[in-house]
Amino acid sequence: MNELLGVGIDDQHQLVFASQTAQEMVQDPTLRDQALNNSREQFKNAGDVVSIGHQMLVEAKEEITQKNDTQSSAVDEALTRLFGNQEGLSRLMDAMANYIYDYHNRPTA
């Protein structure tokens, strides 16, 4: 995560940021339906996971900023850096897409 988000945000906050965003993406009904009705590749490449993921990253940043003004500039820098690194952003979105797909396609007891 340091490689993608840079310095200025401690490991705990980086994990909270990524985890919170992924959890919100799991709850999105559009992503749920797409994960359940498509192959993993279709979900990742033709679905809305990237656009919704981008939107939720920005929303998570705004929420974190409101909760913790001391991290605000670091979060701004991290998102600027993340959105400026298309390869890194693509890797993050790929990991989140895998997580959401696996979550919705997990075996139920």
PDB file of N, CA and C in Angstrom:
ATOM      1  N   MET A   1       0.826  -1.192   0.000  1.00  0.00           N
ATOM      2  CA  MET A   1       0.000   0.000   0.000  1.00  0.00           C
ATOM      3  C   MET A   1       0.868   1.252   0.000  1.00  0.00           C
ATOM      4  N   ASN A   2       1.987   1.223   0.740  1.00  0.00           N
ATOM      5  CA  ASN A   2       2.856   2.399   0.740  1.00  0.00           C
ATOM      6  C   ASN A   2       3.282   2.764  -0.671  1.00  0.00           C
ATOM      7  N   GLU A   3       3.546   1.746  -1.487  1.00  0.00           N
ATOM      8  CA  GLU A   3       3.967   1.968  -2.868  1.00  0.00           C
ATOM      9  C   GLU A   3       2.879   2.703  -3.658  1.00  0.00           C
ATOM     10  N   LEU A   4       1.620   2.411  -3.379  1.00  0.00           N
ATOM     11  CA  LEU A   4       0.521   3.042  -4.106  1.00  0.00           C
ATOM     12  C   LEU A   4       0.112   4.379  -3.510  1.00  0.00           C
ATOM     13  N   LEU A   5       0.049   4.447  -2.197  1.00  0.00           N
ATOM     14  CA  LEU A   5      -0.470   5.643  -1.545  1.00  0.00           C
ATOM     15  C   LEU A   5       0.624   6.593  -1.089  1.00  0.00           C
ATOM     16  N   GLY A   6       1.838   6.097  -0.964  1.00  0.00           N
ATOM     17  CA  GLY A   6       2.936   6.958  -0.561  1.00  0.00           C
ATOM     18  C   GLY A   6       3.054   7.068   0.939  1.00  0.00           C
ATOM     19  N   VAL A   7       3.957   7.915   1.345  1.00  0.00           N
ATOM     20  CA  VAL A   7       4.192   8.114   2.769  1.00  0.00           C
ATOM     21  C   VAL A   7       3.238   9.174   3.294  1.00  0.00           C
ATOM     22  N   GLY A   8       3.135   9.255   4.604  1.00  0.00           N
ATOM     23  CA  GLY A   8       2.276  10.266   5.210  1.00  0.00           C
ATOM     24  C   GLY A   8       1.015   9.674   5.803  1.00  0.00           C
ATOM     25  N   ILE A   9       0.684   8.460   5.418  1.00  0.00           N
ATOM     26  CA  ILE A   9      -0.460   7.765   6.006  1.00  0.00           C
ATOM     27  C   ILE A   9       0.093   6.488   6.610  1.00  0.00           C
ATOM     28  N   ASP A  10      -0.149   6.296   7.909  1.00  0.00           N
ATOM     29  CA  ASP A  10       0.406   5.108   8.540  1.00  0.00           C
ATOM     30  C   ASP A  10      -0.310   3.857   8.043  1.00  0.00           C
ATOM     31  N   ASP A  11       0.328   2.709   8.275  1.00  0.00           N
ATOM     32  CA  ASP A  11      -0.185   1.437   7.758  1.00  0.00           C
ATOM     33  C   ASP A  11      -1.624   1.171   8.196  1.00  0.00           C
ATOM     34  N   GLN A  12      -1.930   1.482   9.447  1.00  0.00           N
ATOM     35  CA  GLN A  12      -3.280   1.240   9.960  1.00  0.00           C
ATOM     36  C   GLN A  12      -4.313   2.037   9.168  1.00  0.00           C
ATOM     37  N   HIS A  13      -4.041   3.311   8.908  1.00  0.00           N
ATOM     38  CA  HIS A  13      -4.986   4.131   8.163  1.00  0.00           C
ATOM     39  C   HIS A  13      -5.083   3.697   6.705  1.00  0.00           C
ATOM     40  N   GLN A  14      -3.981   3.223   6.127  1.00  0.00           N
ATOM     41  CA  GLN A  14      -4.033   2.721   4.758  1.00  0.00           C
ATOM     42  C   GLN A  14      -4.952   1.508   4.680  1.00  0.00           C
ATOM     43  N   LEU A  15      -4.821   0.600   5.661  1.00  0.00           N
ATOM     44  CA  LEU A  15      -5.670  -0.591   5.673  1.00  0.00           C
ATOM     45  C   LEU A  15      -7.133  -0.224   5.903  1.00  0.00           C
ATOM     46  N   VAL A  16      -7.377   0.719   6.800  1.00  0.00           N
ATOM     47  CA  VAL A  16      -8.750   1.160   7.057  1.00  0.00           C
ATOM     48  C   VAL A  16      -9.346   1.760   5.786  1.00  0.00           C
ATOM     49  N   PHE A  17      -8.573   2.589   5.109  1.00  0.00           N
ATOM     50  CA  PHE A  17      -9.019   3.242   3.877  1.00  0.00           C
ATOM     51  C   PHE A  17      -9.395   2.201   2.825  1.00  0.00           C
ATOM     52  N   ALA A  18      -8.506   1.243   2.563  1.00  0.00           N
ATOM     53  CA  ALA A  18      -8.765   0.218   1.547  1.00  0.00           C
ATOM     54  C   ALA A  18      -9.895  -0.706   1.981  1.00  0.00           C
ATOM     55  N   SER A  19      -9.883  -1.106   3.235  1.00  0.00           N
ATOM     56  CA  SER A  19     -10.903  -2.020   3.741  1.00  0.00           C
ATOM     57  C   SER A  19     -12.285  -1.375   3.741  1.00  0.00           C
ATOM     58  N   GLN A  20     -12.352  -0.138   4.190  1.00  0.00           N
ATOM     59  CA  GLN A  20     -13.629   0.576   4.227  1.00  0.00           C
ATOM     60  C   GLN A  20     -14.198   0.710   2.814  1.00  0.00           C
ATOM     61  N   THR A  21     -13.351   1.049   1.874  1.00  0.00           N
ATOM     62  CA  THR A  21     -13.806   1.193   0.492  1.00  0.00           C
ATOM     63  C   THR A  21     -14.287  -0.145  -0.047  1.00  0.00           C
ATOM     64  N   ALA A  22     -13.524  -1.205   0.188  1.00  0.00           N
ATOM     65  CA  ALA A  22     -13.916  -2.530  -0.292  1.00  0.00           C
ATOM     66  C   ALA A  22     -15.240  -2.969   0.333  1.00  0.00           C
ATOM     67  N   GLN A  23     -15.428  -2.716   1.623  1.00  0.00           N
ATOM     68  CA  GLN A  23     -16.680  -3.095   2.287  1.00  0.00           C
ATOM     69  C   GLN A  23     -17.872  -2.333   1.704  1.00  0.00           C
ATOM     70  N   GLU A  24     -17.686  -1.064   1.398  1.00  0.00           N
ATOM     71  CA  GLU A  24     -18.765  -0.299   0.781  1.00  0.00           C
ATOM     72  C   GLU A  24     -19.061  -0.827  -0.626  1.00  0.00           C
ATOM     73  N   MET A  25     -18.013  -1.216  -1.343  1.00  0.00           N
ATOM     74  CA  MET A  25     -18.215  -1.763  -2.678  1.00  0.00           C
ATOM     75  C   MET A  25     -18.971  -3.089  -2.611  1.00  0.00           C
ATOM     76  N   VAL A  26     -18.709  -3.906  -1.594  1.00  0.00           N
ATOM     77  CA  VAL A  26     -19.411  -5.176  -1.412  1.00  0.00           C
ATOM     78  C   VAL A  26     -20.906  -4.938  -1.223  1.00  0.00           C
ATOM     79  N   GLN A  27     -21.266  -3.839  -0.564  1.00  0.00           N
ATOM     80  CA  GLN A  27     -22.668  -3.548  -0.292  1.00  0.00           C
ATOM     81  C   GLN A  27     -23.407  -2.935  -1.487  1.00  0.00           C
ATOM     82  N   ASP A  28     -22.690  -2.553  -2.528  1.00  0.00           N
ATOM     83  CA  ASP A  28     -23.315  -1.914  -3.685  1.00  0.00           C
ATOM     84  C   ASP A  28     -24.148  -2.940  -4.454  1.00  0.00           C
ATOM     85  N   PRO A  29     -25.459  -2.686  -4.635  1.00  0.00           N
ATOM     86  CA  PRO A  29     -26.321  -3.663  -5.300  1.00  0.00           C
ATOM     87  C   PRO A  29     -25.954  -3.904  -6.779  1.00  0.00           C
ATOM     88  N   THR A  30     -25.469  -2.885  -7.454  1.00  0.00           N
ATOM     89  CA  THR A  30     -25.068  -3.058  -8.855  1.00  0.00           C
ATOM     90  C   THR A  30     -23.896  -4.023  -8.946  1.00  0.00           C
ATOM     91  N   LEU A  31     -22.889  -3.826  -8.097  1.00  0.00           N
ATOM     92  CA  LEU A  31     -21.725  -4.713  -8.118  1.00  0.00           C
ATOM     93  C   LEU A  31     -22.106  -6.124  -7.684  1.00  0.00           C
ATOM     94  N   ARG A  32     -23.009  -6.225  -6.715  1.00  0.00           N
ATOM     95  CA  ARG A  32     -23.480  -7.542  -6.271  1.00  0.00           C
ATOM     96  C   ARG A  32     -24.108  -8.288  -7.434  1.00  0.00           C
ATOM     97  N   ASP A  33     -25.032  -7.649  -8.123  1.00  0.00           N
ATOM     98  CA  ASP A  33     -25.709  -8.292  -9.250  1.00  0.00           C
ATOM     99  C   ASP A  33     -24.729  -8.667 -10.356  1.00  0.00           C
ATOM    100  N   GLN A  34     -23.795  -7.775 -10.651  1.00  0.00           N
ATOM    101  CA  GLN A  34     -22.821  -8.063 -11.706  1.00  0.00           C
ATOM    102  C   GLN A  34     -21.893  -9.211 -11.307  1.00  0.00           C
ATOM    103  N   ALA A  35     -21.506  -9.271 -10.042  1.00  0.00           N
ATOM    104  CA  ALA A  35     -20.633 -10.351  -9.578  1.00  0.00           C
ATOM    105  C   ALA A  35     -21.340 -11.701  -9.632  1.00  0.00           C
ATOM    106  N   LEU A  36     -22.632 -11.700  -9.320  1.00  0.00           N
ATOM    107  CA  LEU A  36     -23.379 -12.953  -9.297  1.00  0.00           C
ATOM    108  C   LEU A  36     -23.789 -13.435 -10.691  1.00  0.00           C
ATOM    109  N   ASN A  37     -23.855 -12.552 -11.654  1.00  0.00           N
ATOM    110  CA  ASN A  37     -24.379 -12.908 -12.970  1.00  0.00           C
ATOM    111  C   ASN A  37     -23.351 -12.910 -14.092  1.00  0.00           C
ATOM    112  N   ASN A  38     -22.069 -12.797 -13.739  1.00  0.00           N
ATOM    113  CA  ASN A  38     -21.020 -12.777 -14.752  1.00  0.00           C
ATOM    114  C   ASN A  38     -19.829 -13.584 -14.279  1.00  0.00           C
ATOM    115  N   SER A  39     -18.959 -13.931 -15.224  1.00  0.00           N
ATOM    116  CA  SER A  39     -17.682 -14.545 -14.852  1.00  0.00           C
ATOM    117  C   SER A  39     -16.828 -13.478 -14.181  1.00  0.00           C
ATOM    118  N   ARG A  40     -15.768 -13.904 -13.531  1.00  0.00           N
ATOM    119  CA  ARG A  40     -14.856 -12.968 -12.889  1.00  0.00           C
ATOM    120  C   ARG A  40     -14.314 -11.967 -13.914  1.00  0.00           C
ATOM    121  N   GLU A  41     -13.891 -12.454 -15.070  1.00  0.00           N
ATOM    122  CA  GLU A  41     -13.320 -11.571 -16.092  1.00  0.00           C
ATOM    123  C   GLU A  41     -14.351 -10.573 -16.612  1.00  0.00           C
ATOM    124  N   GLN A  42     -15.579 -11.025 -16.852  1.00  0.00           N
ATOM    125  CA  GLN A  42     -16.632 -10.102 -17.291  1.00  0.00           C
ATOM    126  C   GLN A  42     -16.889  -9.048 -16.224  1.00  0.00           C
ATOM    127  N   PHE A  43     -16.942  -9.486 -14.980  1.00  0.00           N
ATOM    128  CA  PHE A  43     -17.184  -8.567 -13.868  1.00  0.00           C
ATOM    129  C   PHE A  43     -16.102  -7.501 -13.798  1.00  0.00           C
ATOM    130  N   LYS A  44     -14.842  -7.926 -13.907  1.00  0.00           N
ATOM    131  CA  LYS A  44     -13.726  -7.001 -13.774  1.00  0.00           C
ATOM    132  C   LYS A  44     -13.570  -6.091 -14.985  1.00  0.00           C
ATOM    133  N   ASN A  45     -13.861  -6.586 -16.169  1.00  0.00           N
ATOM    134  CA  ASN A  45     -13.564  -5.841 -17.389  1.00  0.00           C
ATOM    135  C   ASN A  45     -14.749  -5.112 -18.008  1.00  0.00           C
ATOM    136  N   ALA A  46     -15.951  -5.616 -17.826  1.00  0.00           N
ATOM    137  CA  ALA A  46     -17.099  -5.009 -18.499  1.00  0.00           C
ATOM    138  C   ALA A  46     -18.118  -4.425 -17.531  1.00  0.00           C
ATOM    139  N   GLY A  47     -17.926  -4.683 -16.255  1.00  0.00           N
ATOM    140  CA  GLY A  47     -18.887  -4.191 -15.280  1.00  0.00           C
ATOM    141  C   GLY A  47     -18.560  -2.773 -14.830  1.00  0.00           C
ATOM    142  N   ASP A  48     -19.207  -2.381 -13.761  1.00  0.00           N
ATOM    143  CA  ASP A  48     -19.069  -1.025 -13.222  1.00  0.00           C
ATOM    144  C   ASP A  48     -18.094  -0.946 -12.060  1.00  0.00           C
ATOM    145  N   VAL A  49     -17.323  -2.009 -11.825  1.00  0.00           N
ATOM    146  CA  VAL A  49     -16.467  -2.051 -10.642  1.00  0.00           C
ATOM    147  C   VAL A  49     -15.454  -0.906 -10.624  1.00  0.00           C
ATOM    148  N   VAL A  50     -14.892  -0.545 -11.751  1.00  0.00           N
ATOM    149  CA  VAL A  50     -13.892   0.518 -11.773  1.00  0.00           C
ATOM    150  C   VAL A  50     -14.536   1.874 -11.512  1.00  0.00           C
ATOM    151  N   SER A  51     -15.628   2.182 -12.200  1.00  0.00           N
ATOM    152  CA  SER A  51     -16.250   3.497 -12.006  1.00  0.00           C
ATOM    153  C   SER A  51     -16.822   3.632 -10.593  1.00  0.00           C
ATOM    154  N   ILE A  52     -17.453   2.587 -10.101  1.00  0.00           N
ATOM    155  CA  ILE A  52     -17.987   2.629  -8.743  1.00  0.00           C
ATOM    156  C   ILE A  52     -16.837   2.660  -7.736  1.00  0.00           C
ATOM    157  N   GLY A  53     -15.778   1.919  -8.011  1.00  0.00           N
ATOM    158  CA  GLY A  53     -14.611   1.932  -7.135  1.00  0.00           C
ATOM    159  C   GLY A  53     -13.981   3.308  -7.043  1.00  0.00           C
ATOM    160  N   HIS A  54     -13.827   3.966  -8.179  1.00  0.00           N
ATOM    161  CA  HIS A  54     -13.276   5.327  -8.179  1.00  0.00           C
ATOM    162  C   HIS A  54     -14.162   6.259  -7.356  1.00  0.00           C
ATOM    163  N   GLN A  55     -15.466   6.171  -7.580  1.00  0.00           N
ATOM    164  CA  GLN A  55     -16.412   7.028  -6.857  1.00  0.00           C
ATOM    165  C   GLN A  55     -16.317   6.770  -5.351  1.00  0.00           C
ATOM    166  N   MET A  56     -16.247   5.510  -4.969  1.00  0.00           N
ATOM    167  CA  MET A  56     -16.206   5.181  -3.548  1.00  0.00           C
ATOM    168  C   MET A  56     -14.872   5.547  -2.911  1.00  0.00           C
ATOM    169  N   LEU A  57     -13.780   5.516  -3.669  1.00  0.00           N
ATOM    170  CA  LEU A  57     -12.494   5.975  -3.135  1.00  0.00           C
ATOM    171  C   LEU A  57     -12.567   7.459  -2.798  1.00  0.00           C
ATOM    172  N   VAL A  58     -13.174   8.227  -3.682  1.00  0.00           N
ATOM    173  CA  VAL A  58     -13.316   9.663  -3.431  1.00  0.00           C
ATOM    174  C   VAL A  58     -14.230   9.895  -2.229  1.00  0.00           C
ATOM    175  N   GLU A  59     -15.329   9.151  -2.155  1.00  0.00           N
ATOM    176  CA  GLU A  59     -16.236   9.293  -1.017  1.00  0.00           C
ATOM    177  C   GLU A  59     -15.556   8.894   0.290  1.00  0.00           C
ATOM    178  N   ALA A  60     -14.748   7.832   0.257  1.00  0.00           N
ATOM    179  CA  ALA A  60     -14.025   7.405   1.459  1.00  0.00           C
ATOM    180  C   ALA A  60     -13.043   8.486   1.896  1.00  0.00           C
ATOM    181  N   LYS A  61     -12.380   9.091   0.928  1.00  0.00           N
ATOM    182  CA  LYS A  61     -11.459  10.187   1.229  1.00  0.00           C
ATOM    183  C   LYS A  61     -12.188  11.323   1.908  1.00  0.00           C
ATOM    184  N   GLU A  62     -13.364  11.676   1.388  1.00  0.00           N
ATOM    185  CA  GLU A  62     -14.134  12.769   1.984  1.00  0.00           C
ATOM    186  C   GLU A  62     -14.579  12.427   3.395  1.00  0.00           C
ATOM    187  N   GLU A  63     -14.993  11.188   3.605  1.00  0.00           N
ATOM    188  CA  GLU A  63     -15.426  10.764   4.938  1.00  0.00           C
ATOM    189  C   GLU A  63     -14.250  10.759   5.915  1.00  0.00           C
ATOM    190  N   ILE A  64     -13.132  10.229   5.476  1.00  0.00           N
ATOM    191  CA  ILE A  64     -11.948  10.203   6.339  1.00  0.00           C
ATOM    192  C   ILE A  64     -11.499  11.624   6.656  1.00  0.00           C
ATOM    193  N   THR A  65     -11.534  12.481   5.655  1.00  0.00           N
ATOM    194  CA  THR A  65     -11.126  13.871   5.846  1.00  0.00           C
ATOM    195  C   THR A  65     -12.005  14.539   6.898  1.00  0.00           C
ATOM    196  N   GLN A  66     -13.303  14.299   6.829  1.00  0.00           N
ATOM    197  CA  GLN A  66     -14.208  14.879   7.813  1.00  0.00           C
ATOM    198  C   GLN A  66     -13.936  14.337   9.205  1.00  0.00           C
ATOM    199  N   LYS A  67     -13.600  13.048   9.300  1.00  0.00           N
ATOM    200  CA  LYS A  67     -13.366  12.429  10.598  1.00  0.00           C
ATOM    201  C   LYS A  67     -12.011  12.794  11.187  1.00  0.00           C
ATOM    202  N   ASN A  68     -11.057  13.051  10.331  1.00  0.00           N
ATOM    203  CA  ASN A  68      -9.709  13.227  10.840  1.00  0.00           C
ATOM    204  C   ASN A  68      -8.961  14.262  10.007  1.00  0.00           C
ATOM    205  N   ASP A  69      -9.139  15.512  10.347  1.00  0.00           N
ATOM    206  CA  ASP A  69      -8.521  16.597   9.580  1.00  0.00           C
ATOM    207  C   ASP A  69      -7.000  16.526   9.564  1.00  0.00           C
ATOM    208  N   THR A  70      -6.394  15.911  10.568  1.00  0.00           N
ATOM    209  CA  THR A  70      -4.933  15.842  10.592  1.00  0.00           C
ATOM    210  C   THR A  70      -4.386  14.964   9.476  1.00  0.00           C
ATOM    211  N   GLN A  71      -5.188  14.035   8.983  1.00  0.00           N
ATOM    212  CA  GLN A  71      -4.775  13.153   7.889  1.00  0.00           C
ATOM    213  C   GLN A  71      -5.170  13.712   6.531  1.00  0.00           C
ATOM    214  N   SER A  72      -5.881  14.825   6.515  1.00  0.00           N
ATOM    215  CA  SER A  72      -6.454  15.360   5.285  1.00  0.00           C
ATOM    216  C   SER A  72      -5.432  15.559   4.170  1.00  0.00           C
ATOM    217  N   SER A  73      -4.363  16.255   4.445  1.00  0.00           N
ATOM    218  CA  SER A  73      -3.399  16.526   3.378  1.00  0.00           C
ATOM    219  C   SER A  73      -2.723  15.246   2.918  1.00  0.00           C
ATOM    220  N   ALA A  74      -2.477  14.319   3.840  1.00  0.00           N
ATOM    221  CA  ALA A  74      -1.867  13.044   3.466  1.00  0.00           C
ATOM    222  C   ALA A  74      -2.811  12.230   2.588  1.00  0.00           C
ATOM    223  N   VAL A  75      -4.097  12.238   2.909  1.00  0.00           N
ATOM    224  CA  VAL A  75      -5.074  11.512   2.102  1.00  0.00           C
ATOM    225  C   VAL A  75      -5.203  12.163   0.725  1.00  0.00           C
ATOM    226  N   ASP A  76      -5.242  13.499   0.683  1.00  0.00           N
ATOM    227  CA  ASP A  76      -5.279  14.196  -0.607  1.00  0.00           C
ATOM    228  C   ASP A  76      -4.081  13.815  -1.460  1.00  0.00           C
ATOM    229  N   GLU A  77      -2.919  13.828  -0.849  1.00  0.00           N
ATOM    230  CA  GLU A  77      -1.692  13.471  -1.580  1.00  0.00           C
ATOM    231  C   GLU A  77      -1.750  12.025  -2.056  1.00  0.00           C
ATOM    232  N   ALA A  78      -2.239  11.136  -1.182  1.00  0.00           N
ATOM    233  CA  ALA A  78      -2.319   9.724  -1.544  1.00  0.00           C
ATOM    234  C   ALA A  78      -3.256   9.504  -2.720  1.00  0.00           C
ATOM    235  N   LEU A  79      -4.415  10.149  -2.700  1.00  0.00           N
ATOM    236  CA  LEU A  79      -5.353   9.975  -3.814  1.00  0.00           C
ATOM    237  C   LEU A  79      -4.829  10.606  -5.090  1.00  0.00           C
ATOM    238  N   THR A  80      -4.205  11.743  -4.985  1.00  0.00           N
ATOM    239  CA  THR A  80      -3.608  12.364  -6.163  1.00  0.00           C
ATOM    240  C   THR A  80      -2.566  11.429  -6.748  1.00  0.00           C
ATOM    241  N   ARG A  81      -1.762  10.877  -5.871  1.00  0.00           N
ATOM    242  CA  ARG A  81      -0.725   9.936  -6.313  1.00  0.00           C
ATOM    243  C   ARG A  81      -1.348   8.676  -6.905  1.00  0.00           C
ATOM    244  N   LEU A  82      -2.372   8.153  -6.253  1.00  0.00           N
ATOM    245  CA  LEU A  82      -3.033   6.935  -6.725  1.00  0.00           C
ATOM    246  C   LEU A  82      -3.682   7.148  -8.085  1.00  0.00           C
ATOM    247  N   PHE A  83      -4.446   8.237  -8.227  1.00  0.00           N
ATOM    248  CA  PHE A  83      -5.101   8.490  -9.508  1.00  0.00           C
ATOM    249  C   PHE A  83      -4.104   8.886 -10.595  1.00  0.00           C
ATOM    250  N   GLY A  84      -2.914   9.302 -10.213  1.00  0.00           N
ATOM    251  CA  GLY A  84      -1.871   9.622 -11.179  1.00  0.00           C
ATOM    252  C   GLY A  84      -1.047   8.416 -11.578  1.00  0.00           C
ATOM    253  N   ASN A  85      -1.257   7.310 -10.920  1.00  0.00           N
ATOM    254  CA  ASN A  85      -0.514   6.074 -11.191  1.00  0.00           C
ATOM    255  C   ASN A  85      -1.502   5.051 -11.731  1.00  0.00           C
ATOM    256  N   GLN A  86      -1.740   5.080 -13.023  1.00  0.00           N
ATOM    257  CA  GLN A  86      -2.763   4.223 -13.612  1.00  0.00           C
ATOM    258  C   GLN A  86      -2.487   2.740 -13.384  1.00  0.00           C
ATOM    259  N   GLU A  87      -1.210   2.351 -13.408  1.00  0.00           N
ATOM    260  CA  GLU A  87      -0.884   0.948 -13.164  1.00  0.00           C
ATOM    261  C   GLU A  87      -1.232   0.560 -11.733  1.00  0.00           C
ATOM    262  N   GLY A  88      -0.865   1.401 -10.781  1.00  0.00           N
ATOM    263  CA  GLY A  88      -1.178   1.132  -9.383  1.00  0.00           C
ATOM    264  C   GLY A  88      -2.672   1.148  -9.123  1.00  0.00           C
ATOM    265  N   LEU A  89      -3.362   2.126  -9.700  1.00  0.00           N
ATOM    266  CA  LEU A  89      -4.813   2.216  -9.549  1.00  0.00           C
ATOM    267  C   LEU A  89      -5.475   0.986 -10.145  1.00  0.00           C
ATOM    268  N   SER A  90      -4.982   0.554 -11.290  1.00  0.00           N
ATOM    269  CA  SER A  90      -5.518  -0.645 -11.937  1.00  0.00           C
ATOM    270  C   SER A  90      -5.313  -1.871 -11.049  1.00  0.00           C
ATOM    271  N   ARG A  91      -4.139  -1.986 -10.406  1.00  0.00           N
ATOM    272  CA  ARG A  91      -3.880  -3.117  -9.510  1.00  0.00           C
ATOM    273  C   ARG A  91      -4.809  -3.082  -8.305  1.00  0.00           C
ATOM    274  N   LEU A  92      -5.030  -1.888  -7.742  1.00  0.00           N
ATOM    275  CA  LEU A  92      -5.927  -1.757  -6.602  1.00  0.00           C
ATOM    276  C   LEU A  92      -7.356  -2.128  -6.996  1.00  0.00           C
ATOM    277  N   MET A  93      -7.818  -1.612  -8.138  1.00  0.00           N
ATOM    278  CA  MET A  93      -9.171  -1.928  -8.600  1.00  0.00           C
ATOM    279  C   MET A  93      -9.306  -3.420  -8.894  1.00  0.00           C
ATOM    280  N   ASP A  94      -8.254  -4.045  -9.438  1.00  0.00           N
ATOM    281  CA  ASP A  94      -8.266  -5.470  -9.715  1.00  0.00           C
ATOM    282  C   ASP A  94      -8.398  -6.264  -8.419  1.00  0.00           C
ATOM    283  N   ALA A  95      -7.635  -5.875  -7.401  1.00  0.00           N
ATOM    284  CA  ALA A  95      -7.707  -6.559  -6.105  1.00  0.00           C
ATOM    285  C   ALA A  95      -9.085  -6.387  -5.480  1.00  0.00           C
ATOM    286  N   MET A  96      -9.639  -5.181  -5.566  1.00  0.00           N
ATOM    287  CA  MET A  96     -10.974  -4.949  -5.005  1.00  0.00           C
ATOM    288  C   MET A  96     -12.029  -5.719  -5.789  1.00  0.00           C
ATOM    289  N   ALA A  97     -11.898  -5.764  -7.104  1.00  0.00           N
ATOM    290  CA  ALA A  97     -12.853  -6.525  -7.923  1.00  0.00           C
ATOM    291  C   ALA A  97     -12.813  -8.003  -7.546  1.00  0.00           C
ATOM    292  N   ASN A  98     -11.619  -8.561  -7.371  1.00  0.00           N
ATOM    293  CA  ASN A  98     -11.497  -9.959  -6.947  1.00  0.00           C
ATOM    294  C   ASN A  98     -12.159 -10.180  -5.597  1.00  0.00           C
ATOM    295  N   TYR A  99     -11.918  -9.264  -4.662  1.00  0.00           N
ATOM    296  CA  TYR A  99     -12.504  -9.382  -3.324  1.00  0.00           C
ATOM    297  C   TYR A  99     -14.036  -9.377  -3.398  1.00  0.00           C
ATOM    298  N   ILE A 100     -14.594  -8.429  -4.146  1.00  0.00           N
ATOM    299  CA  ILE A 100     -16.056  -8.311  -4.242  1.00  0.00           C
ATOM    300  C   ILE A 100     -16.649  -9.528  -4.946  1.00  0.00           C
ATOM    301  N   TYR A 101     -16.008  -9.952  -6.027  1.00  0.00           N
ATOM    302  CA  TYR A 101     -16.494 -11.120  -6.766  1.00  0.00           C
ATOM    303  C   TYR A 101     -16.487 -12.346  -5.851  1.00  0.00           C
ATOM    304  N   ASP A 102     -15.367 -12.566  -5.160  1.00  0.00           N
ATOM    305  CA  ASP A 102     -15.266 -13.720  -4.263  1.00  0.00           C
ATOM    306  C   ASP A 102     -16.279 -13.630  -3.125  1.00  0.00           C
ATOM    307  N   TYR A 103     -16.504 -12.437  -2.601  1.00  0.00           N
ATOM    308  CA  TYR A 103     -17.466 -12.251  -1.525  1.00  0.00           C
ATOM    309  C   TYR A 103     -18.863 -12.690  -1.970  1.00  0.00           C
ATOM    310  N   HIS A 104     -19.275 -12.242  -3.124  1.00  0.00           N
ATOM    311  CA  HIS A 104     -20.629 -12.545  -3.592  1.00  0.00           C
ATOM    312  C   HIS A 104     -20.767 -13.959  -4.155  1.00  0.00           C
ATOM    313  N   ASN A 105     -19.680 -14.602  -4.466  1.00  0.00           N
ATOM    314  CA  ASN A 105     -19.731 -15.959  -5.013  1.00  0.00           C
ATOM    315  C   ASN A 105     -19.178 -17.001  -4.043  1.00  0.00           C
ATOM    316  N   ARG A 106     -19.092 -16.648  -2.767  1.00  0.00           N
ATOM    317  CA  ARG A 106     -18.599 -17.574  -1.764  1.00  0.00           C
ATOM    318  C   ARG A 106     -19.660 -18.649  -1.511  1.00  0.00           C
ATOM    319  N   PRO A 107     -19.216 -19.820  -1.144  1.00  0.00           N
ATOM    320  CA  PRO A 107     -20.188 -20.882  -0.822  1.00  0.00           C
ATOM    321  C   PRO A 107     -21.029 -20.487   0.396  1.00  0.00           C
ATOM    322  N   THR A 108     -22.275 -20.783   0.337  1.00  0.00           N
ATOM    323  CA  THR A 108     -23.151 -20.502   1.481  1.00  0.00           C
ATOM    324  C   THR A 108     -23.434 -21.820   2.188  1.00  0.00           C
ATOM    325  N   ALA A 109     -23.538 -21.732   3.496  1.00  0.00           N
ATOM    326  CA  ALA A 109     -23.754 -22.961   4.306  1.00  0.00           C
ATOM    327  C   ALA A 109     -25.199 -23.338   4.314  1.00  0.00           C
TER     328      ALA A 109
END
